[in-house]
Amino acid sequence: MLGDCGQCNGKLWMNIFNVGGVITIHCSDTSNDDQTTPTCTGTLTGCDQMVCVETVDGTTYKKGCRLCQAGYKGATAITDIGYETCVDDADAITNCSVYGPTDNTVCYSCTSGNAVRADGKKCLAFAGDTNCRLLGLSGQYCRECKNNYYLSNNTCTLGYDASTATTTTATTTATTTTGANLMTASAFIMTLLVFFN
């Protein structure tokens, strides 16, 4: 239902709108609940990402948690979104730090020096990359990186660093423009070759 949006960047509320079956997500410091007596208020104990879900009719809202904090896991599911509450993790998966946002029986992220086994049921020691979140089927390679990292040449690489955002943006813009110019020139040359052939 939520696609690839798992957590907002520094915003308390993930507001989910369901208008005519079309889901949109908006991250904000406040909930989208504009009822006379709102249900999406306050915080939930042990929750890292609050969620306010607007139902299909647009008049009913449901408060919940998209991602529980370390040491907690979700209780009472909100289908494909998260949980109504977060509870102490009594039956812990050894070395699990954060449980799955929509499945509290699997680990989402492990403690330092460990990564989630492919089936999510266990944390395994993994020294290959400290920013690896999820291992491949063999347990010998990283399949998915932690939040804010991406795989590049089999290494988890930082995706965004606020301290270098201006420098990164300028470099990315220059690289993108140069790459676009090269693609345009290459396309023009190919067109000429096809035309004169």
Protein backbone atom coordinates (compact mmCIF):
# COMPACT_ATOMS: atom_id res chain seq x y z
CA MET A 1 0.00 0.00 0.00
CA LEU A 2 2.73 2.50 0.93
CA GLY A 3 5.22 1.53 -1.76
CA ASP A 4 8.73 2.56 -0.89
CA CYS A 5 7.97 5.19 1.76
CA GLY A 6 8.85 3.69 5.12
CA GLN A 7 9.78 6.69 7.22
CA CYS A 8 9.68 10.48 6.97
CA ASN A 9 12.89 12.47 7.11
CA GLY A 10 12.73 14.25 10.47
CA LYS A 11 8.94 14.73 10.52
CA LEU A 12 6.74 13.42 13.36
CA TRP A 13 3.71 12.45 11.24
CA MET A 14 3.36 10.37 8.11
CA ASN A 15 -0.08 11.44 6.87
CA ILE A 16 -1.73 8.94 4.55
CA PHE A 17 -4.63 10.08 2.40
CA ASN A 18 -6.93 7.63 0.61
CA VAL A 19 -8.91 9.59 -1.96
CA GLY A 20 -10.99 7.36 -4.20
CA GLY A 21 -8.59 4.48 -3.61
CA VAL A 22 -5.53 6.57 -4.59
CA ILE A 23 -2.99 6.65 -1.77
CA THR A 24 -0.86 9.74 -1.19
CA ILE A 25 1.62 10.35 1.60
CA HIS A 26 2.59 13.66 3.15
CA CYS A 27 5.18 14.04 5.90
CA SER A 28 4.59 16.84 8.40
CA ASP A 29 5.16 17.99 11.96
CA THR A 30 1.36 17.90 12.43
CA SER A 31 -1.27 15.29 11.59
CA ASN A 32 -3.80 15.73 8.79
CA ASP A 33 -6.66 14.95 11.19
CA ASP A 34 -8.93 18.02 10.98
CA GLN A 35 -11.94 16.58 12.81
CA THR A 36 -13.66 18.50 15.62
CA THR A 37 -12.32 15.86 18.02
CA PRO A 38 -9.16 14.58 16.33
CA THR A 39 -7.90 11.03 16.91
CA CYS A 40 -4.39 11.69 15.54
CA THR A 41 -2.96 13.67 18.45
CA GLY A 42 -0.16 13.20 20.95
CA THR A 43 2.53 10.56 20.63
CA LEU A 44 2.74 6.81 21.10
CA THR A 45 5.21 5.30 23.53
CA GLY A 46 8.07 3.59 21.72
CA CYS A 47 7.16 4.95 18.27
CA ASP A 48 9.73 6.45 15.87
CA GLN A 49 7.30 7.26 13.04
CA MET A 50 3.72 8.26 13.86
CA VAL A 51 1.07 7.70 11.19
CA CYS A 52 -2.37 9.22 10.64
CA VAL A 53 -4.47 7.34 8.10
CA GLU A 54 -7.46 8.95 6.43
CA THR A 55 -10.06 6.37 5.41
CA VAL A 56 -11.76 6.18 2.01
CA ASP A 57 -14.70 8.33 3.09
CA GLY A 58 -12.36 11.14 4.14
CA THR A 59 -14.03 11.66 7.51
CA THR A 60 -12.46 8.96 9.66
CA TYR A 61 -8.83 8.90 10.80
CA LYS A 62 -6.75 6.21 12.48
CA LYS A 63 -3.66 6.92 14.58
CA GLY A 64 -0.81 4.45 14.62
CA CYS A 65 2.90 3.79 14.35
CA ARG A 66 4.75 3.04 11.10
CA LEU A 67 8.06 2.20 12.78
CA CYS A 68 8.60 1.35 16.46
CA GLN A 69 11.77 2.33 18.34
CA ALA A 70 14.53 -0.09 19.29
CA GLY A 71 13.34 -2.41 22.07
CA TYR A 72 9.69 -2.18 20.95
CA LYS A 73 7.57 -3.92 18.37
CA GLY A 74 4.13 -3.25 16.94
CA ALA A 75 0.87 -4.53 18.41
CA THR A 76 -2.59 -4.63 16.77
CA ALA A 77 -1.94 -4.33 13.05
CA ILE A 78 -3.19 -1.61 10.73
CA THR A 79 -3.14 -3.61 7.48
CA ASP A 80 -0.16 -2.79 5.21
CA ILE A 81 0.63 0.38 7.20
CA GLY A 82 1.90 -0.36 10.70
CA TYR A 83 0.48 -0.86 14.18
CA GLU A 84 -1.89 0.87 16.58
CA THR A 85 0.69 0.74 19.40
CA CYS A 86 4.25 -0.29 20.21
CA VAL A 87 4.93 -2.68 23.09
CA ASP A 88 8.06 -3.87 24.89
CA ASP A 89 9.79 -6.60 22.95
CA ALA A 90 9.36 -9.55 25.34
CA ASP A 91 10.21 -12.36 22.90
CA ALA A 92 13.23 -10.70 21.36
CA ILE A 93 15.07 -11.87 18.27
CA THR A 94 18.67 -11.85 19.49
CA ASN A 95 20.51 -8.68 18.36
CA CYS A 96 17.40 -7.24 16.69
CA SER A 97 17.17 -3.49 17.12
CA VAL A 98 14.02 -2.59 15.14
CA TYR A 99 11.16 -4.91 14.14
CA GLY A 100 9.35 -4.96 10.80
CA PRO A 101 6.96 -2.05 10.23
CA THR A 102 4.12 -4.34 9.05
CA ASP A 103 5.26 -7.70 10.44
CA ASN A 104 6.32 -7.80 14.09
CA THR A 105 7.62 -11.36 13.78
CA VAL A 106 10.61 -10.29 11.65
CA CYS A 107 13.57 -8.06 12.33
CA TYR A 108 13.97 -4.90 10.26
CA SER A 109 17.37 -3.75 11.56
CA CYS A 110 19.97 -5.42 13.77
CA THR A 111 22.48 -4.05 16.27
CA SER A 112 25.94 -2.96 15.12
CA GLY A 113 28.05 -5.75 13.61
CA ASN A 114 24.96 -7.73 12.58
CA ALA A 115 22.59 -7.78 9.62
CA VAL A 116 19.13 -9.28 9.11
CA ARG A 117 19.06 -12.80 7.63
CA ALA A 118 17.15 -12.95 4.31
CA ASP A 119 14.00 -14.38 5.95
CA GLY A 120 14.01 -11.69 8.68
CA LYS A 121 13.84 -14.25 11.51
CA LYS A 122 17.40 -13.83 12.79
CA CYS A 123 20.32 -11.42 13.02
CA LEU A 124 23.66 -12.74 11.79
CA ALA A 125 27.16 -11.43 12.44
CA PHE A 126 28.28 -9.62 9.29
CA ALA A 127 31.58 -7.77 9.02
CA GLY A 128 31.36 -7.19 5.25
CA ASP A 129 29.72 -3.75 5.53
CA THR A 130 28.65 -1.98 8.73
CA ASN A 131 25.82 -0.21 6.88
CA CYS A 132 24.24 -3.42 5.57
CA ARG A 133 20.67 -3.98 6.78
CA LEU A 134 19.57 -7.16 4.98
CA LEU A 135 21.68 -10.07 3.75
CA GLY A 136 21.24 -12.04 0.55
CA LEU A 137 20.04 -15.66 0.59
CA SER A 138 23.53 -17.09 1.12
CA GLY A 139 24.22 -14.71 4.01
CA GLN A 140 27.54 -13.82 2.38
CA TYR A 141 26.60 -10.53 0.70
CA CYS A 142 24.54 -7.44 1.43
CA ARG A 143 21.18 -7.26 -0.37
CA GLU A 144 19.85 -4.03 1.15
CA CYS A 145 21.46 -1.15 3.04
CA LYS A 146 20.31 0.71 6.15
CA ASN A 147 18.16 3.84 5.79
CA ASN A 148 19.92 6.68 3.93
CA TYR A 149 22.39 4.29 2.25
CA TYR A 150 22.32 2.65 -1.17
CA LEU A 151 24.28 -0.18 -2.78
CA SER A 152 27.07 0.95 -5.11
CA ASN A 153 29.60 -1.64 -6.31
CA ASN A 154 28.52 -4.00 -3.51
CA THR A 155 29.14 -1.34 -0.85
CA CYS A 156 26.57 0.62 1.15
CA THR A 157 27.17 4.28 0.34
CA LEU A 158 25.78 7.31 2.18
CA GLY A 159 22.90 8.77 0.16
CA TYR A 160 22.41 12.15 1.82
CA ASP A 161 24.57 14.06 4.23
CA ALA A 162 23.09 17.34 5.47
CA SER A 163 26.55 18.72 6.28
CA THR A 164 27.58 18.43 2.62
CA ALA A 165 24.19 18.98 0.95
CA THR A 166 25.20 22.18 -0.85
CA THR A 167 28.43 20.67 -2.17
CA THR A 168 26.71 17.41 -3.13
CA THR A 169 23.89 19.26 -4.91
CA ALA A 170 26.29 21.42 -6.92
CA THR A 171 28.37 18.39 -7.90
CA THR A 172 25.30 16.36 -8.80
CA THR A 173 23.89 19.20 -10.92
CA ALA A 174 27.17 19.62 -12.79
CA THR A 175 27.48 15.85 -13.31
CA THR A 176 23.86 15.53 -14.46
CA THR A 177 24.20 18.45 -16.89
CA THR A 178 27.43 17.08 -18.33
CA GLY A 179 25.90 13.60 -18.63
CA ALA A 180 22.80 15.02 -20.34
CA ASN A 181 24.94 16.99 -22.79
CA LEU A 182 26.94 13.87 -23.64
CA MET A 183 23.75 11.88 -24.19
CA THR A 184 22.35 14.63 -26.44
CA ALA A 185 25.55 14.76 -28.52
CA SER A 186 25.62 10.96 -28.81
CA ALA A 187 21.99 10.86 -29.90
CA PHE A 188 22.65 13.56 -32.53
CA ILE A 189 25.62 11.63 -33.95
CA MET A 190 23.60 8.41 -34.09
CA THR A 191 20.78 10.23 -35.90
CA LEU A 192 23.25 11.56 -38.49
CA LEU A 193 24.73 8.08 -39.00
CA VAL A 194 21.31 6.55 -39.54
CA PHE A 195 20.28 9.40 -41.89
CA PHE A 196 23.38 9.13 -44.12
CA ASN A 197 23.33 5.34 -44.22
